[in-house]
Amino acid sequence: GSLNEPVTPYRTIATDKEVYPRACVAFVMSVLPGREYGSQLVQKRYEAFGLDQDTGGAIRAPGRCDVFMGTGDAQGEAAGRTAAEGRVYYIFVKQ
């Protein structure tokens, strides 16, 4: 990841680092593919806190975010089927 720390499946997000700050905590709401009924992929609601620590090399625009789903063939297949809109709320401390 962009913080030289291991990334965590379904808890690490990637954004354009020229637009969004590194290491910010965010709440993500979207729809992601998940396994159900054996090996069938279905769309499931996803709502979770995550950390913006992935490099997101292919993401070059505001309003884009990728959720890291893990490594391996099954995770790659699920990631390849992800194209849902969602919402990302960054959590900042006001000083």
PDB file of N, CA and C in Angstrom:
ATOM      1  N   GLY A   1       0.814  -1.204   0.000  1.00  0.00           N
ATOM      2  CA  GLY A   1       0.000   0.000   0.000  1.00  0.00           C
ATOM      3  C   GLY A   1       0.850   1.257   0.000  1.00  0.00           C
ATOM      4  N   SER A   2       0.213   2.378   0.027  1.00  0.00           N
ATOM      5  CA  SER A   2       0.923   3.659  -0.029  1.00  0.00           C
ATOM      6  C   SER A   2       1.544   4.062   1.301  1.00  0.00           C
ATOM      7  N   LEU A   3       1.294   3.276   2.369  1.00  0.00           N
ATOM      8  CA  LEU A   3       1.861   3.591   3.687  1.00  0.00           C
ATOM      9  C   LEU A   3       2.969   2.618   4.082  1.00  0.00           C
ATOM     10  N   ASN A   4       3.387   1.760   3.128  1.00  0.00           N
ATOM     11  CA  ASN A   4       4.378   0.715   3.398  1.00  0.00           C
ATOM     12  C   ASN A   4       3.917  -0.234   4.501  1.00  0.00           C
ATOM     13  N   GLU A   5       2.623  -0.461   4.565  1.00  0.00           N
ATOM     14  CA  GLU A   5       2.010  -1.412   5.493  1.00  0.00           C
ATOM     15  C   GLU A   5       1.135  -2.352   4.679  1.00  0.00           C
ATOM     16  N   PRO A   6       0.946  -3.591   5.143  1.00  0.00           N
ATOM     17  CA  PRO A   6       0.076  -4.508   4.404  1.00  0.00           C
ATOM     18  C   PRO A   6      -1.357  -3.978   4.306  1.00  0.00           C
ATOM     19  N   VAL A   7      -1.971  -4.235   3.155  1.00  0.00           N
ATOM     20  CA  VAL A   7      -3.364  -3.843   2.962  1.00  0.00           C
ATOM     21  C   VAL A   7      -4.266  -4.979   3.451  1.00  0.00           C
ATOM     22  N   THR A   8      -5.490  -4.627   3.835  1.00  0.00           N
ATOM     23  CA  THR A   8      -6.431  -5.580   4.414  1.00  0.00           C
ATOM     24  C   THR A   8      -7.643  -5.730   3.504  1.00  0.00           C
ATOM     25  N   PRO A   9      -7.987  -6.961   3.124  1.00  0.00           N
ATOM     26  CA  PRO A   9      -9.156  -7.151   2.266  1.00  0.00           C
ATOM     27  C   PRO A   9     -10.428  -6.555   2.874  1.00  0.00           C
ATOM     28  N   TYR A  10     -11.183  -5.865   2.056  1.00  0.00           N
ATOM     29  CA  TYR A  10     -12.461  -5.242   2.394  1.00  0.00           C
ATOM     30  C   TYR A  10     -12.347  -4.140   3.449  1.00  0.00           C
ATOM     31  N   ARG A  11     -11.136  -3.751   3.793  1.00  0.00           N
ATOM     32  CA  ARG A  11     -10.942  -2.651   4.744  1.00  0.00           C
ATOM     33  C   ARG A  11      -9.952  -1.615   4.223  1.00  0.00           C
ATOM     34  N   THR A  12      -9.410  -1.842   3.042  1.00  0.00           N
ATOM     35  CA  THR A  12      -8.472  -0.913   2.428  1.00  0.00           C
ATOM     36  C   THR A  12      -9.091  -0.381   1.145  1.00  0.00           C
ATOM     37  N   ILE A  13      -9.018   0.939   0.964  1.00  0.00           N
ATOM     38  CA  ILE A  13      -9.525   1.541  -0.262  1.00  0.00           C
ATOM     39  C   ILE A  13      -8.384   2.249  -0.987  1.00  0.00           C
ATOM     40  N   ALA A  14      -8.599   2.457  -2.286  1.00  0.00           N
ATOM     41  CA  ALA A  14      -7.628   3.167  -3.110  1.00  0.00           C
ATOM     42  C   ALA A  14      -8.326   4.338  -3.776  1.00  0.00           C
ATOM     43  N   THR A  15      -7.680   5.488  -3.734  1.00  0.00           N
ATOM     44  CA  THR A  15      -8.192   6.689  -4.392  1.00  0.00           C
ATOM     45  C   THR A  15      -7.018   7.400  -5.057  1.00  0.00           C
ATOM     46  N   ASP A  16      -7.310   8.435  -5.807  1.00  0.00           N
ATOM     47  CA  ASP A  16      -6.277   9.268  -6.413  1.00  0.00           C
ATOM     48  C   ASP A  16      -5.620  10.073  -5.296  1.00  0.00           C
ATOM     49  N   LYS A  17      -4.356   9.796  -5.037  1.00  0.00           N
ATOM     50  CA  LYS A  17      -3.654  10.445  -3.919  1.00  0.00           C
ATOM     51  C   LYS A  17      -3.328  11.916  -4.186  1.00  0.00           C
ATOM     52  N   GLU A  18      -3.540  12.388  -5.412  1.00  0.00           N
ATOM     53  CA  GLU A  18      -3.391  13.820  -5.665  1.00  0.00           C
ATOM     54  C   GLU A  18      -4.668  14.572  -5.308  1.00  0.00           C
ATOM     55  N   VAL A  19      -5.744  13.841  -5.071  1.00  0.00           N
ATOM     56  CA  VAL A  19      -7.027  14.452  -4.716  1.00  0.00           C
ATOM     57  C   VAL A  19      -7.365  14.181  -3.250  1.00  0.00           C
ATOM     58  N   TYR A  20      -7.166  12.941  -2.808  1.00  0.00           N
ATOM     59  CA  TYR A  20      -7.549  12.528  -1.454  1.00  0.00           C
ATOM     60  C   TYR A  20      -6.314  12.223  -0.619  1.00  0.00           C
ATOM     61  N   PRO A  21      -6.332  12.539   0.671  1.00  0.00           N
ATOM     62  CA  PRO A  21      -5.151  12.322   1.517  1.00  0.00           C
ATOM     63  C   PRO A  21      -4.933  10.847   1.853  1.00  0.00           C
ATOM     64  N   ARG A  22      -3.666  10.495   2.018  1.00  0.00           N
ATOM     65  CA  ARG A  22      -3.313   9.143   2.445  1.00  0.00           C
ATOM     66  C   ARG A  22      -3.713   8.930   3.901  1.00  0.00           C
ATOM     67  N   ALA A  23      -4.003   7.687   4.226  1.00  0.00           N
ATOM     68  CA  ALA A  23      -4.197   7.237   5.608  1.00  0.00           C
ATOM     69  C   ALA A  23      -5.443   7.783   6.288  1.00  0.00           C
ATOM     70  N   CYS A  24      -6.373   8.307   5.552  1.00  0.00           N
ATOM     71  CA  CYS A  24      -7.609   8.784   6.169  1.00  0.00           C
ATOM     72  C   CYS A  24      -8.579   7.631   6.377  1.00  0.00           C
ATOM     73  N   VAL A  25      -9.285   7.691   7.477  1.00  0.00           N
ATOM     74  CA  VAL A  25     -10.344   6.727   7.745  1.00  0.00           C
ATOM     75  C   VAL A  25     -11.576   7.170   6.961  1.00  0.00           C
ATOM     76  N   ALA A  26     -12.248   6.209   6.360  1.00  0.00           N
ATOM     77  CA  ALA A  26     -13.427   6.512   5.560  1.00  0.00           C
ATOM     78  C   ALA A  26     -14.515   5.478   5.834  1.00  0.00           C
ATOM     79  N   PHE A  27     -15.761   5.898   5.656  1.00  0.00           N
ATOM     80  CA  PHE A  27     -16.885   4.970   5.709  1.00  0.00           C
ATOM     81  C   PHE A  27     -17.361   4.786   4.283  1.00  0.00           C
ATOM     82  N   VAL A  28     -17.421   3.542   3.821  1.00  0.00           N
ATOM     83  CA  VAL A  28     -17.752   3.225   2.435  1.00  0.00           C
ATOM     84  C   VAL A  28     -19.107   2.530   2.382  1.00  0.00           C
ATOM     85  N   MET A  29     -19.953   2.976   1.459  1.00  0.00           N
ATOM     86  CA  MET A  29     -21.262   2.356   1.229  1.00  0.00           C
ATOM     87  C   MET A  29     -21.375   2.071  -0.262  1.00  0.00           C
ATOM     88  N   SER A  30     -21.590   0.800  -0.608  1.00  0.00           N
ATOM     89  CA  SER A  30     -21.715   0.441  -2.010  1.00  0.00           C
ATOM     90  C   SER A  30     -22.320  -0.953  -2.123  1.00  0.00           C
ATOM     91  N   VAL A  31     -22.201  -1.519  -3.299  1.00  0.00           N
ATOM     92  CA  VAL A  31     -22.614  -2.891  -3.574  1.00  0.00           C
ATOM     93  C   VAL A  31     -21.410  -3.605  -4.169  1.00  0.00           C
ATOM     94  N   LEU A  32     -21.047  -4.758  -3.591  1.00  0.00           N
ATOM     95  CA  LEU A  32     -19.918  -5.534  -4.076  1.00  0.00           C
ATOM     96  C   LEU A  32     -20.352  -6.966  -4.335  1.00  0.00           C
ATOM     97  N   PRO A  33     -19.670  -7.649  -5.252  1.00  0.00           N
ATOM     98  CA  PRO A  33     -19.998  -9.049  -5.459  1.00  0.00           C
ATOM     99  C   PRO A  33     -19.500  -9.890  -4.292  1.00  0.00           C
ATOM    100  N   GLY A  34     -20.279 -10.871  -3.920  1.00  0.00           N
ATOM    101  CA  GLY A  34     -19.901 -11.783  -2.852  1.00  0.00           C
ATOM    102  C   GLY A  34     -20.373 -13.185  -3.179  1.00  0.00           C
ATOM    103  N   ARG A  35     -19.776 -14.167  -2.550  1.00  0.00           N
ATOM    104  CA  ARG A  35     -20.129 -15.569  -2.793  1.00  0.00           C
ATOM    105  C   ARG A  35     -21.377 -15.951  -2.002  1.00  0.00           C
ATOM    106  N   GLU A  36     -22.249 -16.640  -2.668  1.00  0.00           N
ATOM    107  CA  GLU A  36     -23.460 -17.133  -2.024  1.00  0.00           C
ATOM    108  C   GLU A  36     -23.895 -18.393  -2.756  1.00  0.00           C
ATOM    109  N   TYR A  37     -24.473 -19.317  -2.055  1.00  0.00           N
ATOM    110  CA  TYR A  37     -24.947 -20.570  -2.663  1.00  0.00           C
ATOM    111  C   TYR A  37     -23.814 -21.304  -3.368  1.00  0.00           C
ATOM    112  N   GLY A  38     -22.768 -21.589  -2.624  1.00  0.00           N
ATOM    113  CA  GLY A  38     -21.632 -22.293  -3.220  1.00  0.00           C
ATOM    114  C   GLY A  38     -20.680 -21.334  -3.885  1.00  0.00           C
ATOM    115  N   SER A  39     -20.598 -21.410  -5.201  1.00  0.00           N
ATOM    116  CA  SER A  39     -19.630 -20.578  -5.907  1.00  0.00           C
ATOM    117  C   SER A  39     -20.270 -19.450  -6.711  1.00  0.00           C
ATOM    118  N   GLN A  40     -21.584 -19.292  -6.621  1.00  0.00           N
ATOM    119  CA  GLN A  40     -22.259 -18.248  -7.392  1.00  0.00           C
ATOM    120  C   GLN A  40     -21.970 -16.870  -6.813  1.00  0.00           C
ATOM    121  N   LEU A  41     -21.613 -15.919  -7.699  1.00  0.00           N
ATOM    122  CA  LEU A  41     -21.387 -14.539  -7.275  1.00  0.00           C
ATOM    123  C   LEU A  41     -22.690 -13.766  -7.346  1.00  0.00           C
ATOM    124  N   VAL A  42     -23.015 -13.077  -6.266  1.00  0.00           N
ATOM    125  CA  VAL A  42     -24.205 -12.227  -6.231  1.00  0.00           C
ATOM    126  C   VAL A  42     -23.801 -10.868  -5.695  1.00  0.00           C
ATOM    127  N   GLN A  43     -24.608  -9.849  -5.974  1.00  0.00           N
ATOM    128  CA  GLN A  43     -24.341  -8.500  -5.474  1.00  0.00           C
ATOM    129  C   GLN A  43     -24.844  -8.384  -4.038  1.00  0.00           C
ATOM    130  N   LYS A  44     -23.996  -7.879  -3.165  1.00  0.00           N
ATOM    131  CA  LYS A  44     -24.358  -7.711  -1.758  1.00  0.00           C
ATOM    132  C   LYS A  44     -24.066  -6.281  -1.320  1.00  0.00           C
ATOM    133  N   ARG A  45     -24.891  -5.782  -0.432  1.00  0.00           N
ATOM    134  CA  ARG A  45     -24.653  -4.443   0.117  1.00  0.00           C
ATOM    135  C   ARG A  45     -23.387  -4.485   0.966  1.00  0.00           C
ATOM    136  N   TYR A  46     -22.566  -3.458   0.817  1.00  0.00           N
ATOM    137  CA  TYR A  46     -21.308  -3.341   1.551  1.00  0.00           C
ATOM    138  C   TYR A  46     -21.287  -2.003   2.261  1.00  0.00           C
ATOM    139  N   GLU A  47     -21.151  -2.034   3.562  1.00  0.00           N
ATOM    140  CA  GLU A  47     -21.015  -0.820   4.376  1.00  0.00           C
ATOM    141  C   GLU A  47     -19.959  -1.113   5.430  1.00  0.00           C
ATOM    142  N   ALA A  48     -18.852  -0.367   5.395  1.00  0.00           N
ATOM    143  CA  ALA A  48     -17.770  -0.639   6.329  1.00  0.00           C
ATOM    144  C   ALA A  48     -16.839   0.562   6.438  1.00  0.00           C
ATOM    145  N   PHE A  49     -16.134   0.607   7.557  1.00  0.00           N
ATOM    146  CA  PHE A  49     -15.052   1.564   7.709  1.00  0.00           C
ATOM    147  C   PHE A  49     -13.820   0.989   7.031  1.00  0.00           C
ATOM    148  N   GLY A  50     -13.036   1.851   6.424  1.00  0.00           N
ATOM    149  CA  GLY A  50     -11.810   1.427   5.768  1.00  0.00           C
ATOM    150  C   GLY A  50     -10.752   2.493   5.899  1.00  0.00           C
ATOM    151  N   LEU A  51      -9.564   2.157   5.442  1.00  0.00           N
ATOM    152  CA  LEU A  51      -8.434   3.075   5.501  1.00  0.00           C
ATOM    153  C   LEU A  51      -7.942   3.317   4.078  1.00  0.00           C
ATOM    154  N   ASP A  52      -7.773   4.565   3.709  1.00  0.00           N
ATOM    155  CA  ASP A  52      -7.305   4.920   2.372  1.00  0.00           C
ATOM    156  C   ASP A  52      -5.788   4.759   2.344  1.00  0.00           C
ATOM    157  N   GLN A  53      -5.348   3.520   2.100  1.00  0.00           N
ATOM    158  CA  GLN A  53      -3.918   3.236   2.138  1.00  0.00           C
ATOM    159  C   GLN A  53      -3.421   2.484   0.912  1.00  0.00           C
ATOM    160  N   ASP A  54      -4.297   2.206  -0.046  1.00  0.00           N
ATOM    161  CA  ASP A  54      -3.855   1.516  -1.250  1.00  0.00           C
ATOM    162  C   ASP A  54      -3.397   2.539  -2.272  1.00  0.00           C
ATOM    163  N   THR A  55      -2.491   2.156  -3.146  1.00  0.00           N
ATOM    164  CA  THR A  55      -1.897   3.119  -4.066  1.00  0.00           C
ATOM    165  C   THR A  55      -2.851   3.579  -5.151  1.00  0.00           C
ATOM    166  N   GLY A  56      -3.714   2.723  -5.650  1.00  0.00           N
ATOM    167  CA  GLY A  56      -4.682   3.140  -6.658  1.00  0.00           C
ATOM    168  C   GLY A  56      -4.037   3.715  -7.896  1.00  0.00           C
ATOM    169  N   GLY A  57      -3.039   3.039  -8.432  1.00  0.00           N
ATOM    170  CA  GLY A  57      -2.288   3.550  -9.578  1.00  0.00           C
ATOM    171  C   GLY A  57      -3.131   3.857 -10.800  1.00  0.00           C
ATOM    172  N   ALA A  58      -4.229   3.137 -10.993  1.00  0.00           N
ATOM    173  CA  ALA A  58      -5.074   3.356 -12.172  1.00  0.00           C
ATOM    174  C   ALA A  58      -6.169   4.387 -11.924  1.00  0.00           C
ATOM    175  N   ILE A  59      -6.300   4.827 -10.710  1.00  0.00           N
ATOM    176  CA  ILE A  59      -7.354   5.786 -10.371  1.00  0.00           C
ATOM    177  C   ILE A  59      -6.782   7.190 -10.496  1.00  0.00           C
ATOM    178  N   ARG A  60      -7.274   7.936 -11.458  1.00  0.00           N
ATOM    179  CA  ARG A  60      -6.756   9.281 -11.720  1.00  0.00           C
ATOM    180  C   ARG A  60      -7.878  10.288 -11.856  1.00  0.00           C
ATOM    181  N   ALA A  61      -8.794  10.308 -10.901  1.00  0.00           N
ATOM    182  CA  ALA A  61      -9.892  11.274 -10.975  1.00  0.00           C
ATOM    183  C   ALA A  61     -10.594  11.352  -9.635  1.00  0.00           C
ATOM    184  N   PRO A  62     -11.148  12.509  -9.314  1.00  0.00           N
ATOM    185  CA  PRO A  62     -11.975  12.589  -8.108  1.00  0.00           C
ATOM    186  C   PRO A  62     -13.243  11.772  -8.310  1.00  0.00           C
ATOM    187  N   GLY A  63     -13.799  11.316  -7.239  1.00  0.00           N
ATOM    188  CA  GLY A  63     -15.046  10.567  -7.317  1.00  0.00           C
ATOM    189  C   GLY A  63     -14.868   9.096  -7.613  1.00  0.00           C
ATOM    190  N   ARG A  64     -13.634   8.607  -7.638  1.00  0.00           N
ATOM    191  CA  ARG A  64     -13.360   7.183  -7.881  1.00  0.00           C
ATOM    192  C   ARG A  64     -12.745   6.565  -6.638  1.00  0.00           C
ATOM    193  N   CYS A  65     -13.136   5.338  -6.358  1.00  0.00           N
ATOM    194  CA  CYS A  65     -12.605   4.615  -5.205  1.00  0.00           C
ATOM    195  C   CYS A  65     -12.663   3.125  -5.510  1.00  0.00           C
ATOM    196  N   ASP A  66     -11.620   2.398  -5.176  1.00  0.00           N
ATOM    197  CA  ASP A  66     -11.605   0.948  -5.304  1.00  0.00           C
ATOM    198  C   ASP A  66     -11.476   0.333  -3.917  1.00  0.00           C
ATOM    199  N   VAL A  67     -12.214  -0.732  -3.683  1.00  0.00           N
ATOM    200  CA  VAL A  67     -12.102  -1.498  -2.438  1.00  0.00           C
ATOM    201  C   VAL A  67     -11.203  -2.693  -2.720  1.00  0.00           C
ATOM    202  N   PHE A  68     -10.150  -2.857  -1.945  1.00  0.00           N
ATOM    203  CA  PHE A  68      -9.255  -4.005  -2.092  1.00  0.00           C
ATOM    204  C   PHE A  68      -9.971  -5.234  -1.548  1.00  0.00           C
ATOM    205  N   MET A  69     -10.131  -6.266  -2.401  1.00  0.00           N
ATOM    206  CA  MET A  69     -10.880  -7.466  -2.025  1.00  0.00           C
ATOM    207  C   MET A  69      -9.993  -8.648  -1.671  1.00  0.00           C
ATOM    208  N   GLY A  70      -8.700  -8.499  -1.805  1.00  0.00           N
ATOM    209  CA  GLY A  70      -7.800  -9.592  -1.482  1.00  0.00           C
ATOM    210  C   GLY A  70      -7.054 -10.078  -2.704  1.00  0.00           C
ATOM    211  N   THR A  71      -6.326 -11.170  -2.540  1.00  0.00           N
ATOM    212  CA  THR A  71      -5.545 -11.731  -3.634  1.00  0.00           C
ATOM    213  C   THR A  71      -6.044 -13.138  -3.946  1.00  0.00           C
ATOM    214  N   GLY A  72      -5.792 -13.582  -5.151  1.00  0.00           N
ATOM    215  CA  GLY A  72      -6.202 -14.915  -5.562  1.00  0.00           C
ATOM    216  C   GLY A  72      -7.206 -14.853  -6.698  1.00  0.00           C
ATOM    217  N   ASP A  73      -7.463 -16.020  -7.291  1.00  0.00           N
ATOM    218  CA  ASP A  73      -8.353 -16.093  -8.445  1.00  0.00           C
ATOM    219  C   ASP A  73      -9.782 -15.659  -8.116  1.00  0.00           C
ATOM    220  N   ALA A  74     -10.333 -16.144  -7.000  1.00  0.00           N
ATOM    221  CA  ALA A  74     -11.719 -15.815  -6.646  1.00  0.00           C
ATOM    222  C   ALA A  74     -11.877 -14.322  -6.379  1.00  0.00           C
ATOM    223  N   GLN A  75     -10.909 -13.729  -5.679  1.00  0.00           N
ATOM    224  CA  GLN A  75     -10.979 -12.301  -5.391  1.00  0.00           C
ATOM    225  C   GLN A  75     -10.804 -11.485  -6.662  1.00  0.00           C
ATOM    226  N   GLY A  76      -9.938 -11.942  -7.556  1.00  0.00           N
ATOM    227  CA  GLY A  76      -9.749 -11.253  -8.831  1.00  0.00           C
ATOM    228  C   GLY A  76     -11.004 -11.291  -9.684  1.00  0.00           C
ATOM    229  N   GLU A  77     -11.692 -12.434  -9.665  1.00  0.00           N
ATOM    230  CA  GLU A  77     -12.946 -12.546 -10.407  1.00  0.00           C
ATOM    231  C   GLU A  77     -13.997 -11.593  -9.847  1.00  0.00           C
ATOM    232  N   ALA A  78     -14.100 -11.534  -8.514  1.00  0.00           N
ATOM    233  CA  ALA A  78     -15.066 -10.626  -7.886  1.00  0.00           C
ATOM    234  C   ALA A  78     -14.719  -9.172  -8.189  1.00  0.00           C
ATOM    235  N   ALA A  79     -13.442  -8.818  -8.086  1.00  0.00           N
ATOM    236  CA  ALA A  79     -13.027  -7.440  -8.359  1.00  0.00           C
ATOM    237  C   ALA A  79     -13.314  -7.059  -9.810  1.00  0.00           C
ATOM    238  N   GLY A  80     -13.143  -7.997 -10.725  1.00  0.00           N
ATOM    239  CA  GLY A  80     -13.410  -7.733 -12.129  1.00  0.00           C
ATOM    240  C   GLY A  80     -14.872  -7.499 -12.432  1.00  0.00           C
ATOM    241  N   ARG A  81     -15.750  -7.908 -11.530  1.00  0.00           N
ATOM    242  CA  ARG A  81     -17.192  -7.720 -11.719  1.00  0.00           C
ATOM    243  C   ARG A  81     -17.734  -6.536 -10.916  1.00  0.00           C
ATOM    244  N   THR A  82     -16.855  -5.763 -10.333  1.00  0.00           N
ATOM    245  CA  THR A  82     -17.279  -4.634  -9.512  1.00  0.00           C
ATOM    246  C   THR A  82     -17.323  -3.368 -10.338  1.00  0.00           C
ATOM    247  N   ALA A  83     -18.499  -2.748 -10.400  1.00  0.00           N
ATOM    248  CA  ALA A  83     -18.648  -1.476 -11.121  1.00  0.00           C
ATOM    249  C   ALA A  83     -19.868  -0.747 -10.587  1.00  0.00           C
ATOM    250  N   ALA A  84     -20.003  -0.717  -9.281  1.00  0.00           N
ATOM    251  CA  ALA A  84     -21.172  -0.095  -8.667  1.00  0.00           C
ATOM    252  C   ALA A  84     -20.847   1.311  -8.181  1.00  0.00           C
ATOM    253  N   GLU A  85     -21.853   2.148  -8.169  1.00  0.00           N
ATOM    254  CA  GLU A  85     -21.701   3.462  -7.556  1.00  0.00           C
ATOM    255  C   GLU A  85     -21.878   3.311  -6.054  1.00  0.00           C
ATOM    256  N   GLY A  86     -21.329   4.234  -5.327  1.00  0.00           N
ATOM    257  CA  GLY A  86     -21.449   4.193  -3.873  1.00  0.00           C
ATOM    258  C   GLY A  86     -21.126   5.548  -3.285  1.00  0.00           C
ATOM    259  N   ARG A  87     -20.905   5.543  -2.004  1.00  0.00           N
ATOM    260  CA  ARG A  87     -20.562   6.772  -1.281  1.00  0.00           C
ATOM    261  C   ARG A  87     -19.366   6.505  -0.383  1.00  0.00           C
ATOM    262  N   VAL A  88     -18.505   7.519  -0.259  1.00  0.00           N
ATOM    263  CA  VAL A  88     -17.350   7.444   0.630  1.00  0.00           C
ATOM    264  C   VAL A  88     -17.369   8.702   1.490  1.00  0.00           C
ATOM    265  N   TYR A  89     -17.352   8.500   2.789  1.00  0.00           N
ATOM    266  CA  TYR A  89     -17.331   9.613   3.741  1.00  0.00           C
ATOM    267  C   TYR A  89     -16.005   9.576   4.488  1.00  0.00           C
ATOM    268  N   TYR A  90     -15.194  10.622   4.321  1.00  0.00           N
ATOM    269  CA  TYR A  90     -13.931  10.715   5.048  1.00  0.00           C
ATOM    270  C   TYR A  90     -14.195  11.272   6.437  1.00  0.00           C
ATOM    271  N   ILE A  91     -13.429  10.786   7.380  1.00  0.00           N
ATOM    272  CA  ILE A  91     -13.581  11.224   8.774  1.00  0.00           C
ATOM    273  C   ILE A  91     -12.342  12.025   9.144  1.00  0.00           C
ATOM    274  N   PHE A  92     -12.543  13.313   9.421  1.00  0.00           N
ATOM    275  CA  PHE A  92     -11.471  14.228   9.776  1.00  0.00           C
ATOM    276  C   PHE A  92     -11.712  14.775  11.178  1.00  0.00           C
ATOM    277  N   VAL A  93     -10.629  15.142  11.825  1.00  0.00           N
ATOM    278  CA  VAL A  93     -10.729  15.809  13.121  1.00  0.00           C
ATOM    279  C   VAL A  93     -10.606  17.307  12.870  1.00  0.00           C
ATOM    280  N   LYS A  94     -11.590  18.060  13.320  1.00  0.00           N
ATOM    281  CA  LYS A  94     -11.550  19.512  13.160  1.00  0.00           C
ATOM    282  C   LYS A  94     -10.728  20.100  14.297  1.00  0.00           C
ATOM    283  N   GLN A  95      -9.752  20.943  13.927  1.00  0.00           N
ATOM    284  CA  GLN A  95      -8.878  21.532  14.959  1.00  0.00           C
ATOM    285  C   GLN A  95      -9.052  23.031  15.015  1.00  0.00           C
TER     286      GLN A  95
END
